[in-house]
Amino acid sequence: MKWFLHVSLSILLFWLSGCALKKEITQSNAYIITIKNKQIALSDTGFINHGNNYDSVQIFSAGNILFHLEIMGNYICMEGKCLERLAFNKRFFETEHYAELMQDIMAQKPIYDGQFLRSTSQGFEQELLLDSSHIIYKVENKTLSFRDTKNNILIRIKPLP
């Protein structure tokens, strides 16, 4: 009877693991990540993962996950709660930005189609004064700083040595 129970449980676990949604990660890098807005204030070691139509940010402290954000298709999920990209932007950034803003930030690409883009010797910077936000965005040597001074939002990503 025990043998039958063990075999049945093993088959069930094997079958369930085959049904799990697996996301293929093509690139993963370790950073010191700082995220600050009205809902969150975190700064610790984390990973940014990129895959096919998938990006994720995970921040850890003492081996425990403190923050998990996933960008999948038209949705951004934070702590397991998923919203459409524009709704997420409204909640996270306190204003509606274009849908791909967070994905562009995580990929360290210019934002807002490169408006007011200034090249620097080791990257680029942008300063955008919008109706509801004042953004200062810099990417240099894989170090990123996104600051919205009107809404008191900070995202800073610095690679681990």
C-alpha atoms as a PDB file:
ATOM      1  CA  MET A   1       0.000   0.000   0.000  1.00  0.00           C
ATOM      2  CA  LYS A   2       2.836   2.424   0.843  1.00  0.00           C
ATOM      3  CA  TRP A   3       4.504   1.621  -2.443  1.00  0.00           C
ATOM      4  CA  PHE A   4       1.295   2.404  -4.362  1.00  0.00           C
ATOM      5  CA  LEU A   5       0.903   5.712  -2.481  1.00  0.00           C
ATOM      6  CA  HIS A   6       4.504   6.750  -3.228  1.00  0.00           C
ATOM      7  CA  VAL A   7       4.216   5.858  -6.913  1.00  0.00           C
ATOM      8  CA  SER A   8       0.859   7.661  -7.227  1.00  0.00           C
ATOM      9  CA  LEU A   9       2.218  10.774  -5.516  1.00  0.00           C
ATOM     10  CA  SER A  10       5.327  10.752  -7.719  1.00  0.00           C
ATOM     11  CA  ILE A  11       3.249  10.479 -10.895  1.00  0.00           C
ATOM     12  CA  LEU A  12       0.946  13.265  -9.729  1.00  0.00           C
ATOM     13  CA  LEU A  13       3.873  15.594  -8.946  1.00  0.00           C
ATOM     14  CA  PHE A  14       5.527  14.794 -12.276  1.00  0.00           C
ATOM     15  CA  TRP A  15       2.277  15.483 -14.139  1.00  0.00           C
ATOM     16  CA  LEU A  16       1.649  18.767 -12.288  1.00  0.00           C
ATOM     17  CA  SER A  17       5.179  20.013 -12.879  1.00  0.00           C
ATOM     18  CA  GLY A  18       4.681  19.451 -16.601  1.00  0.00           C
ATOM     19  CA  CYS A  19       1.664  21.767 -16.544  1.00  0.00           C
ATOM     20  CA  ALA A  20       3.501  24.642 -14.872  1.00  0.00           C
ATOM     21  CA  LEU A  21       4.109  27.702 -17.025  1.00  0.00           C
ATOM     22  CA  LYS A  22       7.824  27.864 -17.705  1.00  0.00           C
ATOM     23  CA  LYS A  23       9.402  31.115 -18.790  1.00  0.00           C
ATOM     24  CA  GLU A  24      12.597  30.805 -20.776  1.00  0.00           C
ATOM     25  CA  ILE A  25      15.200  33.198 -19.434  1.00  0.00           C
ATOM     26  CA  THR A  26      17.847  34.152 -21.977  1.00  0.00           C
ATOM     27  CA  GLN A  27      19.766  36.658 -19.833  1.00  0.00           C
ATOM     28  CA  SER A  28      20.077  37.156 -16.080  1.00  0.00           C
ATOM     29  CA  ASN A  29      22.230  39.758 -14.340  1.00  0.00           C
ATOM     30  CA  ALA A  30      22.833  40.631 -10.687  1.00  0.00           C
ATOM     31  CA  TYR A  31      22.441  44.220  -9.516  1.00  0.00           C
ATOM     32  CA  ILE A  32      21.985  46.411  -6.515  1.00  0.00           C
ATOM     33  CA  ILE A  33      18.440  47.612  -7.117  1.00  0.00           C
ATOM     34  CA  THR A  34      16.729  50.554  -5.452  1.00  0.00           C
ATOM     35  CA  ILE A  35      13.012  51.139  -5.971  1.00  0.00           C
ATOM     36  CA  LYS A  36      11.170  53.916  -4.206  1.00  0.00           C
ATOM     37  CA  ASN A  37       7.667  55.254  -4.675  1.00  0.00           C
ATOM     38  CA  LYS A  38       4.734  55.925  -2.341  1.00  0.00           C
ATOM     39  CA  GLN A  39       4.065  52.183  -1.932  1.00  0.00           C
ATOM     40  CA  ILE A  40       7.595  50.728  -1.809  1.00  0.00           C
ATOM     41  CA  ALA A  41      11.038  51.688  -0.550  1.00  0.00           C
ATOM     42  CA  LEU A  42      13.601  48.910  -1.151  1.00  0.00           C
ATOM     43  CA  SER A  43      17.294  48.743  -1.839  1.00  0.00           C
ATOM     44  CA  ASP A  44      19.121  45.422  -1.950  1.00  0.00           C
ATOM     45  CA  THR A  45      20.700  42.822  -4.195  1.00  0.00           C
ATOM     46  CA  GLY A  46      18.547  41.496  -6.999  1.00  0.00           C
ATOM     47  CA  PHE A  47      18.326  40.020 -10.453  1.00  0.00           C
ATOM     48  CA  ILE A  48      16.923  41.302 -13.713  1.00  0.00           C
ATOM     49  CA  ASN A  49      15.950  38.499 -16.065  1.00  0.00           C
ATOM     50  CA  HIS A  50      15.096  38.822 -19.735  1.00  0.00           C
ATOM     51  CA  GLY A  51      13.441  36.283 -21.988  1.00  0.00           C
ATOM     52  CA  ASN A  52      11.226  36.072 -25.041  1.00  0.00           C
ATOM     53  CA  ASN A  53       8.368  38.503 -24.299  1.00  0.00           C
ATOM     54  CA  TYR A  54       9.253  38.289 -20.607  1.00  0.00           C
ATOM     55  CA  ASP A  55      11.190  40.436 -18.129  1.00  0.00           C
ATOM     56  CA  SER A  56      11.399  40.158 -14.367  1.00  0.00           C
ATOM     57  CA  VAL A  57      12.958  41.959 -11.429  1.00  0.00           C
ATOM     58  CA  GLN A  58      13.579  40.214  -8.136  1.00  0.00           C
ATOM     59  CA  ILE A  59      15.053  41.834  -5.023  1.00  0.00           C
ATOM     60  CA  PHE A  60      16.378  39.625  -2.240  1.00  0.00           C
ATOM     61  CA  SER A  61      17.500  40.165   1.334  1.00  0.00           C
ATOM     62  CA  ALA A  62      19.111  37.382   3.343  1.00  0.00           C
ATOM     63  CA  GLY A  63      17.936  34.876   0.748  1.00  0.00           C
ATOM     64  CA  ASN A  64      14.285  35.921   0.943  1.00  0.00           C
ATOM     65  CA  ILE A  65      12.495  37.566  -1.939  1.00  0.00           C
ATOM     66  CA  LEU A  66      11.332  41.072  -0.994  1.00  0.00           C
ATOM     67  CA  PHE A  67      10.058  42.238  -4.374  1.00  0.00           C
ATOM     68  CA  HIS A  68       9.036  40.481  -7.573  1.00  0.00           C
ATOM     69  CA  LEU A  69       7.898  42.245 -10.734  1.00  0.00           C
ATOM     70  CA  GLU A  70       7.167  40.435 -14.007  1.00  0.00           C
ATOM     71  CA  ILE A  71       6.430  41.905 -17.427  1.00  0.00           C
ATOM     72  CA  MET A  72       4.596  39.403 -19.635  1.00  0.00           C
ATOM     73  CA  GLY A  73       2.798  40.382 -22.811  1.00  0.00           C
ATOM     74  CA  ASN A  74       0.314  43.172 -22.070  1.00  0.00           C
ATOM     75  CA  TYR A  75       0.518  42.708 -18.289  1.00  0.00           C
ATOM     76  CA  ILE A  76       2.831  43.692 -15.475  1.00  0.00           C
ATOM     77  CA  CYS A  77       2.579  41.636 -12.310  1.00  0.00           C
ATOM     78  CA  MET A  78       3.898  42.891  -8.997  1.00  0.00           C
ATOM     79  CA  GLU A  79       3.791  40.586  -5.990  1.00  0.00           C
ATOM     80  CA  GLY A  80       1.443  38.281  -7.932  1.00  0.00           C
ATOM     81  CA  LYS A  81      -1.141  40.986  -8.767  1.00  0.00           C
ATOM     82  CA  CYS A  82      -1.359  41.605 -12.496  1.00  0.00           C
ATOM     83  CA  LEU A  83      -2.508  44.781 -14.226  1.00  0.00           C
ATOM     84  CA  GLU A  84      -2.529  45.926 -17.816  1.00  0.00           C
ATOM     85  CA  ARG A  85       0.581  47.991 -18.532  1.00  0.00           C
ATOM     86  CA  LEU A  86      -1.148  51.407 -18.558  1.00  0.00           C
ATOM     87  CA  ALA A  87      -3.016  50.648 -15.327  1.00  0.00           C
ATOM     88  CA  PHE A  88       0.256  49.523 -13.742  1.00  0.00           C
ATOM     89  CA  ASN A  89       1.978  52.732 -14.833  1.00  0.00           C
ATOM     90  CA  LYS A  90      -0.813  54.798 -13.304  1.00  0.00           C
ATOM     91  CA  ARG A  91      -0.465  52.925 -10.026  1.00  0.00           C
ATOM     92  CA  PHE A  92       3.335  52.617  -9.852  1.00  0.00           C
ATOM     93  CA  PHE A  93       4.419  55.905 -11.449  1.00  0.00           C
ATOM     94  CA  GLU A  94       1.333  57.879 -10.305  1.00  0.00           C
ATOM     95  CA  THR A  95       0.689  59.001 -13.868  1.00  0.00           C
ATOM     96  CA  GLU A  96      -0.068  57.380 -17.202  1.00  0.00           C
ATOM     97  CA  HIS A  97       3.022  56.898 -19.266  1.00  0.00           C
ATOM     98  CA  TYR A  98       3.235  54.896 -22.473  1.00  0.00           C
ATOM     99  CA  ALA A  99       2.691  51.160 -22.033  1.00  0.00           C
ATOM    100  CA  GLU A 100       6.297  49.970 -22.513  1.00  0.00           C
ATOM    101  CA  LEU A 101       7.941  52.409 -20.072  1.00  0.00           C
ATOM    102  CA  MET A 102       8.873  49.843 -17.393  1.00  0.00           C
ATOM    103  CA  GLN A 103      10.135  47.399 -20.009  1.00  0.00           C
ATOM    104  CA  ASP A 104      12.322  50.114 -21.582  1.00  0.00           C
ATOM    105  CA  ILE A 105      13.721  51.007 -18.155  1.00  0.00           C
ATOM    106  CA  MET A 106      14.534  47.375 -17.318  1.00  0.00           C
ATOM    107  CA  ALA A 107      16.228  46.975 -20.727  1.00  0.00           C
ATOM    108  CA  GLN A 108      18.124  50.260 -20.147  1.00  0.00           C
ATOM    109  CA  LYS A 109      16.790  51.716 -23.396  1.00  0.00           C
ATOM    110  CA  PRO A 110      15.926  55.363 -24.069  1.00  0.00           C
ATOM    111  CA  ILE A 111      12.380  56.261 -23.019  1.00  0.00           C
ATOM    112  CA  TYR A 112       9.731  58.289 -24.832  1.00  0.00           C
ATOM    113  CA  ASP A 113      11.178  57.447 -28.263  1.00  0.00           C
ATOM    114  CA  GLY A 114      14.475  59.089 -27.300  1.00  0.00           C
ATOM    115  CA  GLN A 115      13.036  62.574 -26.766  1.00  0.00           C
ATOM    116  CA  PHE A 116      15.662  65.009 -25.433  1.00  0.00           C
ATOM    117  CA  LEU A 117      18.291  62.261 -25.622  1.00  0.00           C
ATOM    118  CA  ARG A 118      21.839  63.418 -24.955  1.00  0.00           C
ATOM    119  CA  SER A 119      24.676  61.005 -25.589  1.00  0.00           C
ATOM    120  CA  THR A 120      27.426  60.904 -22.987  1.00  0.00           C
ATOM    121  CA  SER A 121      30.860  59.333 -23.191  1.00  0.00           C
ATOM    122  CA  GLN A 122      29.589  56.136 -21.538  1.00  0.00           C
ATOM    123  CA  GLY A 123      25.847  56.092 -22.243  1.00  0.00           C
ATOM    124  CA  PHE A 124      23.004  58.589 -22.445  1.00  0.00           C
ATOM    125  CA  GLU A 125      20.719  60.810 -20.402  1.00  0.00           C
ATOM    126  CA  GLN A 126      17.275  62.293 -20.851  1.00  0.00           C
ATOM    127  CA  GLU A 127      15.399  65.000 -19.007  1.00  0.00           C
ATOM    128  CA  LEU A 128      11.671  65.190 -19.723  1.00  0.00           C
ATOM    129  CA  LEU A 129       9.317  67.775 -18.302  1.00  0.00           C
ATOM    130  CA  LEU A 130       5.828  66.365 -18.791  1.00  0.00           C
ATOM    131  CA  ASP A 131       2.474  67.657 -17.518  1.00  0.00           C
ATOM    132  CA  SER A 132       2.420  65.363 -14.506  1.00  0.00           C
ATOM    133  CA  SER A 133       6.077  64.370 -14.082  1.00  0.00           C
ATOM    134  CA  HIS A 134       9.652  65.619 -14.312  1.00  0.00           C
ATOM    135  CA  ILE A 135      11.888  62.717 -15.323  1.00  0.00           C
ATOM    136  CA  ILE A 136      15.665  62.603 -15.134  1.00  0.00           C
ATOM    137  CA  TYR A 137      16.853  59.342 -16.687  1.00  0.00           C
ATOM    138  CA  LYS A 138      20.500  58.283 -17.060  1.00  0.00           C
ATOM    139  CA  VAL A 139      22.171  55.099 -18.265  1.00  0.00           C
ATOM    140  CA  GLU A 140      25.968  54.944 -18.041  1.00  0.00           C
ATOM    141  CA  ASN A 141      28.171  51.843 -17.876  1.00  0.00           C
ATOM    142  CA  LYS A 142      25.174  49.558 -17.198  1.00  0.00           C
ATOM    143  CA  THR A 143      24.194  51.789 -14.230  1.00  0.00           C
ATOM    144  CA  LEU A 144      20.693  53.220 -14.501  1.00  0.00           C
ATOM    145  CA  SER A 145      18.962  56.029 -12.656  1.00  0.00           C
ATOM    146  CA  PHE A 146      15.311  56.935 -13.259  1.00  0.00           C
ATOM    147  CA  ARG A 147      14.042  59.795 -11.135  1.00  0.00           C
ATOM    148  CA  ASP A 148      10.640  61.498 -11.257  1.00  0.00           C
ATOM    149  CA  THR A 149      11.017  64.531  -9.032  1.00  0.00           C
ATOM    150  CA  LYS A 150       7.331  65.540  -9.182  1.00  0.00           C
ATOM    151  CA  ASN A 151       6.052  62.155  -8.004  1.00  0.00           C
ATOM    152  CA  ASN A 152       9.031  61.235  -5.792  1.00  0.00           C
ATOM    153  CA  ILE A 153       9.892  58.035  -7.681  1.00  0.00           C
ATOM    154  CA  LEU A 154      13.339  56.499  -7.906  1.00  0.00           C
ATOM    155  CA  ILE A 155      14.607  53.420  -9.730  1.00  0.00           C
ATOM    156  CA  ARG A 156      18.348  52.859  -9.534  1.00  0.00           C
ATOM    157  CA  ILE A 157      20.131  49.807 -10.926  1.00  0.00           C
ATOM    158  CA  LYS A 158      23.854  49.272 -10.437  1.00  0.00           C
ATOM    159  CA  PRO A 159      25.632  46.093 -11.592  1.00  0.00           C
ATOM    160  CA  LEU A 160      27.370  43.981  -8.996  1.00  0.00           C
ATOM    161  CA  PRO A 161      31.134  43.747  -9.528  1.00  0.00           C
END
